[in-house]
Amino acid sequence: MEYKFAQGVASLKPSVIREILKSSGNTIPLAAGNPAPDAFPVDDIRKIVGEVLENEPILALQYGISEGYGPLIKKLTELAKTRYGVGTEADGLIVVSGAQQVMSLTSQCFINSGDCVLCEEPSFIGALNCFRSYGARLVGVPVDSDGIRIDALEEKLKTEKNVKFIYTIPNFQNPSGVTMSLEKRKAVYDLAVKYGVMVLEDNPYGDLRVAGEDVPAIKSFDEAGAVIYSGSFSKIVAPGIRVGFVLAPAEVIAKLTVAKQTQDVHTPLISQLIVYKWLTECDFEGHINKIREIYSRKLDLLCDCVDKELGDFLTYNRPEGGLFVWAKLNDGIDMLDFCRKASAAGVSVVPGNAFLADTEEKCQYIRMNFSTPTDEGIVKGVKILGEVARSL
């Protein structure tokens, strides 16, 4: 049987990260992006699930409306305004099955085959593959230490045809770890309005700041209805429950809701109830402070080990939060060969070309994660990477 897959899917390759994790076995997972095991509010969730199934089993297990559980929508709208500074009377909010679904819904609603999406270079592989699956033409815009290059962004807006939106991760960007400056956030918004394109602002890591000061969201400037804002509970509660939210102009939300009905009807009610009760009954700020302490310590450990074991072989900029360190191998070191030999030696890291619009482009970067491995794993894993580097 010859299978004739849709054009958007036929050219897709498996996620490099997922394939590495699937085949990693007993390797030290510096390639992952999972929250640290001690960052999960397990006791809170265990208590909440027990109470929900005891007191509201039918609500938790029944169909729900596509927009989401009403009390949760109200709470998230309030949280978006008070904590993240986003949302006006002109905006709406729906609950989604993880922030990844925001990428899919936005693509479904805005992208026709051949349309252009401008994305930071490098950028999150999950979003890039999602855009590709809907037939988008990806065009990368370089990222500096303070965020996307504004001159390059405007040049692409001038020259590329059918640009539908700009995709950005302003806080502790995946994979670069970069935080976009306030000046550049305002410039991105101004350019989007000037050229009549949307901004898709993805903020899964904003609560994981371990240094520096918070920077206002791009959506906080949005008076023209040009920004779609994506939030997630995967990194602060649990990724397995698959709960996120999207806040956008009401007209856009209406279309995203219809698209969601074609994808999964609604986000599971039991997951929504977990998040709602966790937000309303548990110590949100206390938990955020706890996970920030965990990630601050683990980031320090990774950077100390990298400086000791790999200081002669790579350079990196220390992030102010998030989960990743983006490192450039010295010229003369074959990045892909380094990754292959590291994997064979028992340590997985992600090759940087996986995060590019054109994955065939030459790249000297690797991404390392500090949240998933144990402290002992970080020490041992970076030591092995140093041995691999010296062998090359």
Protein backbone atom coordinates (compact mmCIF):
# COMPACT_ATOMS: atom_id res chain seq x y z
CA MET A 1 0.00 0.00 0.00
CA GLU A 2 1.35 3.43 -0.94
CA TYR A 3 0.45 6.07 1.61
CA LYS A 4 -0.02 9.56 0.25
CA PHE A 5 0.35 11.85 3.25
CA ALA A 6 -0.70 15.48 3.26
CA GLN A 7 1.98 17.88 2.05
CA GLY A 8 2.25 19.59 5.44
CA VAL A 9 3.01 16.29 7.19
CA ALA A 10 4.89 14.37 4.49
CA SER A 11 8.00 16.53 4.83
CA LEU A 12 7.99 16.63 8.63
CA LYS A 13 10.78 14.88 10.50
CA PRO A 14 10.40 13.50 14.03
CA SER A 15 11.29 15.91 16.82
CA VAL A 16 15.01 15.57 17.42
CA ILE A 17 14.46 16.01 21.15
CA ARG A 18 11.69 13.39 21.34
CA GLU A 19 13.80 10.91 19.37
CA ILE A 20 16.82 11.52 21.59
CA LEU A 21 14.73 10.99 24.72
CA LYS A 22 13.07 7.90 23.28
CA SER A 23 16.36 6.24 22.48
CA SER A 24 18.39 7.64 25.36
CA GLY A 25 17.96 4.63 27.67
CA ASN A 26 20.22 5.21 30.64
CA THR A 27 21.95 8.29 29.26
CA ILE A 28 22.08 11.49 31.32
CA PRO A 29 19.26 13.66 29.88
CA LEU A 30 20.85 17.07 29.30
CA ALA A 31 18.71 17.12 26.14
CA ALA A 32 15.36 17.16 27.93
CA GLY A 33 13.17 20.03 29.05
CA ASN A 34 11.09 18.40 31.77
CA PRO A 35 10.50 20.10 35.11
CA ALA A 36 12.64 18.89 37.98
CA PRO A 37 10.98 16.02 39.89
CA ASP A 38 11.07 18.01 43.14
CA ALA A 39 9.32 20.95 41.43
CA PHE A 40 5.98 19.12 41.16
CA PRO A 41 3.31 20.02 43.78
CA VAL A 42 2.52 16.33 44.21
CA ASP A 43 0.87 16.55 47.63
CA ASP A 44 -1.39 19.38 46.48
CA ILE A 45 -2.47 17.53 43.35
CA ARG A 46 -3.02 14.25 45.19
CA LYS A 47 -5.33 16.04 47.64
CA ILE A 48 -7.17 17.93 44.89
CA VAL A 49 -7.77 14.84 42.74
CA GLY A 50 -9.13 12.93 45.72
CA GLU A 51 -11.54 15.73 46.60
CA VAL A 52 -12.68 16.20 43.01
CA LEU A 53 -13.44 12.51 42.48
CA GLU A 54 -15.17 12.33 45.85
CA ASN A 55 -17.27 15.48 45.54
CA GLU A 56 -17.59 16.28 41.82
CA PRO A 57 -16.95 13.06 39.86
CA ILE A 58 -19.49 13.67 37.11
CA LEU A 59 -18.31 17.25 36.51
CA ALA A 60 -14.73 16.01 36.24
CA LEU A 61 -15.55 13.13 33.88
CA GLN A 62 -18.27 14.67 31.68
CA TYR A 63 -18.01 16.70 28.48
CA GLY A 64 -17.44 20.43 28.93
CA ILE A 65 -17.73 23.53 26.79
CA SER A 66 -14.95 24.23 24.31
CA GLU A 67 -13.94 27.55 25.87
CA GLY A 68 -13.15 25.87 29.18
CA TYR A 69 -14.42 25.57 32.74
CA GLY A 70 -16.13 28.86 33.57
CA PRO A 71 -14.61 29.49 37.02
CA LEU A 72 -11.14 28.70 35.64
CA ILE A 73 -11.59 31.14 32.76
CA LYS A 74 -12.55 33.83 35.25
CA LYS A 75 -9.56 33.04 37.46
CA LEU A 76 -7.13 32.98 34.54
CA THR A 77 -8.45 36.27 33.18
CA GLU A 78 -7.82 37.79 36.60
CA LEU A 79 -4.38 36.17 36.87
CA ALA A 80 -3.39 37.34 33.39
CA LYS A 81 -4.24 40.91 34.32
CA THR A 82 -2.80 41.07 37.83
CA ARG A 83 0.30 38.88 37.44
CA TYR A 84 1.26 39.21 33.77
CA GLY A 85 -0.28 42.59 32.97
CA VAL A 86 -2.18 41.41 29.91
CA GLY A 87 -5.79 41.54 28.81
CA THR A 88 -8.36 44.26 28.17
CA GLU A 89 -12.11 44.42 27.71
CA ALA A 90 -11.51 43.76 24.01
CA ASP A 91 -9.82 40.42 24.73
CA GLY A 92 -11.14 36.96 25.45
CA LEU A 93 -9.55 33.86 26.96
CA ILE A 94 -9.99 30.13 26.49
CA VAL A 95 -8.39 27.13 28.15
CA VAL A 96 -6.31 24.90 25.88
CA SER A 97 -4.59 21.52 26.05
CA GLY A 98 -1.13 22.88 26.75
CA ALA A 99 0.56 25.82 25.07
CA GLN A 100 1.44 23.61 22.11
CA GLN A 101 -2.23 23.71 21.16
CA VAL A 102 -2.05 27.51 20.94
CA MET A 103 0.51 27.05 18.16
CA SER A 104 -1.76 24.59 16.39
CA LEU A 105 -4.93 26.66 16.75
CA THR A 106 -3.19 29.84 15.58
CA SER A 107 -1.77 28.00 12.59
CA GLN A 108 -5.14 26.50 11.72
CA CYS A 109 -6.81 29.90 11.85
CA PHE A 110 -4.21 32.03 10.08
CA ILE A 111 -1.92 29.96 7.84
CA ASN A 112 -2.61 29.00 4.26
CA SER A 113 -0.06 26.83 2.50
CA GLY A 114 2.91 28.96 1.50
CA ASP A 115 2.22 31.77 3.96
CA CYS A 116 5.19 33.10 5.89
CA VAL A 117 5.81 32.90 9.64
CA LEU A 118 8.67 35.00 10.99
CA CYS A 119 10.34 33.27 13.93
CA GLU A 120 13.31 33.91 16.11
CA GLU A 121 16.44 32.11 14.97
CA PRO A 122 16.86 29.77 16.82
CA SER A 123 13.40 28.89 18.14
CA PHE A 124 11.32 26.17 19.80
CA ILE A 125 11.27 23.05 17.64
CA GLY A 126 7.73 22.09 18.68
CA ALA A 127 6.32 25.37 17.40
CA LEU A 128 8.40 25.29 14.21
CA ASN A 129 7.20 21.79 13.34
CA CYS A 130 3.63 22.79 14.07
CA PHE A 131 3.85 25.75 11.67
CA ARG A 132 5.48 23.52 9.06
CA SER A 133 2.64 21.00 9.34
CA TYR A 134 0.16 23.68 8.23
CA GLY A 135 2.26 24.53 5.19
CA ALA A 136 3.97 27.62 6.58
CA ARG A 137 7.14 28.96 5.05
CA LEU A 138 9.46 29.64 7.99
CA VAL A 139 11.82 32.59 7.87
CA GLY A 140 14.26 33.01 10.74
CA VAL A 141 15.29 36.33 12.26
CA PRO A 142 18.57 36.37 14.25
CA VAL A 143 18.53 36.76 18.02
CA ASP A 144 21.09 38.84 19.94
CA SER A 145 21.76 38.79 23.68
CA ASP A 146 18.79 41.14 24.27
CA GLY A 147 16.35 39.50 21.88
CA ILE A 148 15.36 39.50 18.23
CA ARG A 149 17.24 41.84 15.91
CA ILE A 150 14.81 44.62 15.11
CA ASP A 151 16.57 45.77 11.93
CA ALA A 152 16.49 42.25 10.53
CA LEU A 153 12.86 41.82 11.56
CA GLU A 154 11.77 44.94 9.72
CA GLU A 155 13.74 43.92 6.64
CA LYS A 156 11.87 40.59 6.57
CA LEU A 157 8.54 42.36 7.06
CA LYS A 158 9.37 44.56 4.08
CA THR A 159 10.53 41.81 1.76
CA GLU A 160 8.69 38.59 2.65
CA LYS A 161 5.25 38.00 1.15
CA ASN A 162 2.14 36.93 3.05
CA VAL A 163 3.62 37.22 6.55
CA LYS A 164 0.88 36.03 8.91
CA PHE A 165 2.52 36.43 12.29
CA ILE A 166 5.74 36.86 14.24
CA TYR A 167 6.44 34.03 16.69
CA THR A 168 8.44 35.00 19.77
CA ILE A 169 9.35 33.63 23.20
CA PRO A 170 10.39 36.84 24.98
CA ASN A 171 11.28 35.32 28.38
CA PHE A 172 14.24 32.91 28.64
CA GLN A 173 13.78 31.91 25.05
CA ASN A 174 13.94 28.24 24.10
CA PRO A 175 16.67 27.33 23.22
CA SER A 176 18.81 30.48 23.55
CA GLY A 177 17.80 31.45 27.09
CA VAL A 178 17.67 35.09 25.97
CA THR A 179 15.23 37.58 27.49
CA MET A 180 14.02 40.29 25.12
CA SER A 181 14.58 43.85 26.34
CA LEU A 182 11.69 46.23 26.97
CA GLU A 183 12.86 48.45 24.12
CA LYS A 184 12.80 45.54 21.68
CA ARG A 185 9.39 44.32 22.90
CA LYS A 186 7.93 47.73 22.14
CA ALA A 187 9.68 47.75 18.76
CA VAL A 188 8.31 44.30 17.85
CA TYR A 189 4.79 45.45 18.68
CA ASP A 190 5.17 48.70 16.74
CA LEU A 191 6.43 46.84 13.67
CA ALA A 192 3.58 44.34 13.86
CA VAL A 193 1.04 47.17 13.88
CA LYS A 194 2.90 49.07 11.16
CA TYR A 195 2.95 46.08 8.80
CA GLY A 196 -0.41 44.62 9.77
CA VAL A 197 0.76 41.26 11.10
CA MET A 198 -0.02 39.43 14.34
CA VAL A 199 2.41 38.62 17.13
CA LEU A 200 2.20 35.18 18.76
CA GLU A 201 3.77 35.70 22.19
CA ASP A 202 4.64 32.41 23.87
CA ASN A 203 5.39 32.65 27.61
CA PRO A 204 5.85 29.20 29.16
CA TYR A 205 8.91 30.18 31.21
CA GLY A 206 8.04 33.64 32.57
CA ASP A 207 7.57 32.46 36.16
CA LEU A 208 10.97 30.74 36.20
CA ARG A 209 13.03 33.92 36.66
CA VAL A 210 16.02 33.41 38.97
CA ALA A 211 17.83 36.73 38.37
CA GLY A 212 17.07 40.22 37.12
CA GLU A 213 13.75 42.02 36.91
CA ASP A 214 10.50 41.09 35.15
CA VAL A 215 9.90 42.78 31.80
CA PRO A 216 6.35 43.69 30.66
CA ALA A 217 4.78 41.36 28.12
CA ILE A 218 4.39 42.49 24.51
CA LYS A 219 0.66 41.91 24.98
CA SER A 220 0.63 44.58 27.71
CA PHE A 221 1.12 47.26 25.00
CA ASP A 222 -1.60 45.85 22.75
CA GLU A 223 -4.15 48.53 21.90
CA ALA A 224 -4.57 47.48 18.27
CA GLY A 225 -5.53 43.83 18.85
CA ALA A 226 -2.31 42.58 17.27
CA VAL A 227 -1.06 40.12 19.92
CA ILE A 228 -2.03 36.54 20.77
CA TYR A 229 -0.68 35.62 24.22
CA SER A 230 0.00 32.01 25.21
CA GLY A 231 0.34 30.88 28.83
CA SER A 232 1.02 27.45 30.28
CA PHE A 233 0.97 25.49 33.55
CA SER A 234 3.33 22.83 32.24
CA LYS A 235 6.42 24.33 33.88
CA ILE A 236 4.85 25.53 37.14
CA VAL A 237 2.32 22.77 37.94
CA ALA A 238 2.76 19.69 35.72
CA PRO A 239 3.16 19.11 31.97
CA GLY A 240 1.20 15.86 32.09
CA ILE A 241 -2.10 17.55 32.87
CA ARG A 242 -1.88 19.52 29.58
CA VAL A 243 -3.44 22.84 30.61
CA GLY A 244 -2.63 26.21 29.13
CA PHE A 245 -4.53 29.27 28.03
CA VAL A 246 -4.65 31.72 25.16
CA LEU A 247 -5.63 35.37 25.52
CA ALA A 248 -6.34 37.34 22.35
CA PRO A 249 -8.78 39.79 20.77
CA ALA A 250 -12.36 38.50 21.09
CA GLU A 251 -12.77 38.03 17.34
CA VAL A 252 -9.63 35.89 17.23
CA ILE A 253 -10.71 33.90 20.29
CA ALA A 254 -14.02 33.09 18.58
CA LYS A 255 -12.16 31.51 15.65
CA LEU A 256 -9.67 29.72 17.88
CA THR A 257 -12.62 28.21 19.77
CA VAL A 258 -14.16 26.84 16.58
CA ALA A 259 -10.77 25.41 15.61
CA LYS A 260 -10.43 23.79 19.03
CA GLN A 261 -13.77 22.05 18.52
CA THR A 262 -12.26 20.31 15.48
CA GLN A 263 -9.15 19.24 17.40
CA ASP A 264 -10.17 17.95 20.83
CA VAL A 265 -13.64 19.41 21.64
CA HIS A 266 -12.41 20.69 25.02
CA THR A 267 -9.53 20.42 27.46
CA PRO A 268 -10.17 17.55 29.93
CA LEU A 269 -12.33 18.78 32.82
CA ILE A 270 -10.38 16.89 35.46
CA SER A 271 -7.21 18.71 34.41
CA GLN A 272 -8.99 22.06 34.43
CA LEU A 273 -10.40 21.39 37.89
CA ILE A 274 -6.93 20.50 39.18
CA VAL A 275 -5.53 23.81 37.96
CA TYR A 276 -8.52 25.83 39.19
CA LYS A 277 -8.41 24.37 42.69
CA TRP A 278 -4.63 24.62 42.82
CA LEU A 279 -4.82 28.32 41.94
CA THR A 280 -7.61 29.05 44.41
CA GLU A 281 -6.75 26.77 47.33
CA CYS A 282 -2.97 26.36 47.35
CA ASP A 283 0.02 28.65 47.90
CA PHE A 284 0.76 29.85 44.37
CA GLU A 285 3.49 32.34 45.33
CA GLY A 286 5.10 29.93 47.77
CA HIS A 287 5.33 27.26 45.09
CA ILE A 288 6.80 29.70 42.54
CA ASN A 289 9.44 30.75 45.06
CA LYS A 290 10.25 27.09 45.73
CA ILE A 291 10.78 26.16 42.09
CA ARG A 292 12.81 29.32 41.49
CA GLU A 293 15.15 28.25 44.29
CA ILE A 294 15.45 24.79 42.73
CA TYR A 295 16.26 26.13 39.28
CA SER A 296 18.60 28.83 40.56
CA ARG A 297 20.67 26.17 42.29
CA LYS A 298 20.64 23.80 39.32
CA LEU A 299 21.55 26.57 36.88
CA ASP A 300 24.49 27.56 39.11
CA LEU A 301 25.61 23.95 39.23
CA LEU A 302 25.44 23.46 35.46
CA CYS A 303 27.30 26.70 34.74
CA ASP A 304 30.00 25.92 37.30
CA CYS A 305 30.51 22.48 35.78
CA VAL A 306 30.55 23.83 32.23
CA ASP A 307 33.10 26.48 33.17
CA LYS A 308 35.31 23.82 34.76
CA GLU A 309 35.00 21.04 32.20
CA LEU A 310 34.17 22.83 28.93
CA GLY A 311 35.53 26.35 29.36
CA ASP A 312 38.15 25.82 26.66
CA PHE A 313 35.70 24.35 24.17
CA LEU A 314 32.59 26.56 24.16
CA THR A 315 31.07 29.91 25.10
CA TYR A 316 27.62 30.77 26.43
CA ASN A 317 25.55 33.59 27.89
CA ARG A 318 24.14 32.84 31.32
CA PRO A 319 20.29 33.05 31.25
CA GLU A 320 18.26 34.85 33.93
CA GLY A 321 15.78 32.01 34.11
CA GLY A 322 14.08 29.26 32.15
CA LEU A 323 15.46 25.75 31.76
CA PHE A 324 18.22 25.92 29.16
CA VAL A 325 21.80 26.96 28.43
CA TRP A 326 22.63 27.61 24.76
CA ALA A 327 26.32 27.08 24.09
CA LYS A 328 28.48 27.66 21.03
CA LEU A 329 31.21 25.12 20.36
CA ASN A 330 34.53 26.52 19.19
CA ASP A 331 35.20 26.58 15.48
CA GLY A 332 36.92 23.39 14.45
CA ILE A 333 34.68 21.17 16.57
CA ASP A 334 32.10 19.31 14.50
CA MET A 335 28.87 19.94 16.42
CA LEU A 336 26.96 16.90 15.13
CA ASP A 337 29.95 14.64 15.72
CA PHE A 338 30.20 16.01 19.25
CA CYS A 339 26.51 15.25 19.90
CA ARG A 340 26.79 11.73 18.51
CA LYS A 341 29.90 10.94 20.55
CA ALA A 342 28.31 12.42 23.67
CA SER A 343 25.27 10.20 23.21
CA ALA A 344 27.49 7.15 22.74
CA ALA A 345 29.31 8.10 25.95
CA GLY A 346 26.04 8.32 27.87
CA VAL A 347 25.00 11.99 27.73
CA SER A 348 22.29 13.46 25.50
CA VAL A 349 22.39 17.08 24.32
CA VAL A 350 20.39 18.65 21.49
CA PRO A 351 22.15 19.71 18.27
CA GLY A 352 21.48 23.37 17.58
CA ASN A 353 20.35 22.96 13.96
CA ALA A 354 17.15 21.33 15.26
CA PHE A 355 16.01 24.81 16.30
CA LEU A 356 16.59 26.53 12.95
CA ALA A 357 14.07 27.37 10.25
CA ASP A 358 16.37 25.49 7.86
CA THR A 359 17.60 22.46 9.77
CA GLU A 360 20.24 21.77 7.09
CA GLU A 361 22.01 25.03 7.89
CA LYS A 362 25.41 24.72 9.57
CA CYS A 363 25.29 25.35 13.31
CA GLN A 364 27.88 25.34 16.10
CA TYR A 365 25.43 25.43 19.01
CA ILE A 366 24.11 22.83 21.42
CA ARG A 367 21.30 23.12 23.97
CA MET A 368 21.78 21.83 27.50
CA ASN A 369 19.02 21.46 30.09
CA PHE A 370 19.56 21.71 33.85
CA SER A 371 16.06 20.97 35.20
CA THR A 372 15.65 17.30 34.27
CA PRO A 373 18.88 15.59 35.39
CA THR A 374 19.74 15.11 39.05
CA ASP A 375 22.53 17.21 40.53
CA GLU A 376 24.76 14.16 40.33
CA GLY A 377 23.72 13.71 36.72
CA ILE A 378 24.66 17.29 35.88
CA VAL A 379 28.13 16.89 37.41
CA LYS A 380 28.77 13.53 35.78
CA GLY A 381 27.20 14.49 32.45
CA VAL A 382 29.21 17.67 31.98
CA LYS A 383 32.39 15.82 32.97
CA ILE A 384 31.69 13.30 30.21
CA LEU A 385 31.06 16.14 27.75
CA GLY A 386 34.44 17.55 28.67
CA GLU A 387 36.07 14.19 27.96
CA VAL A 388 34.30 14.00 24.61
CA ALA A 389 35.42 17.52 23.71
CA ARG A 390 39.02 16.75 24.57
CA SER A 391 38.88 13.59 22.46
CA LEU A 392 37.88 15.70 19.44
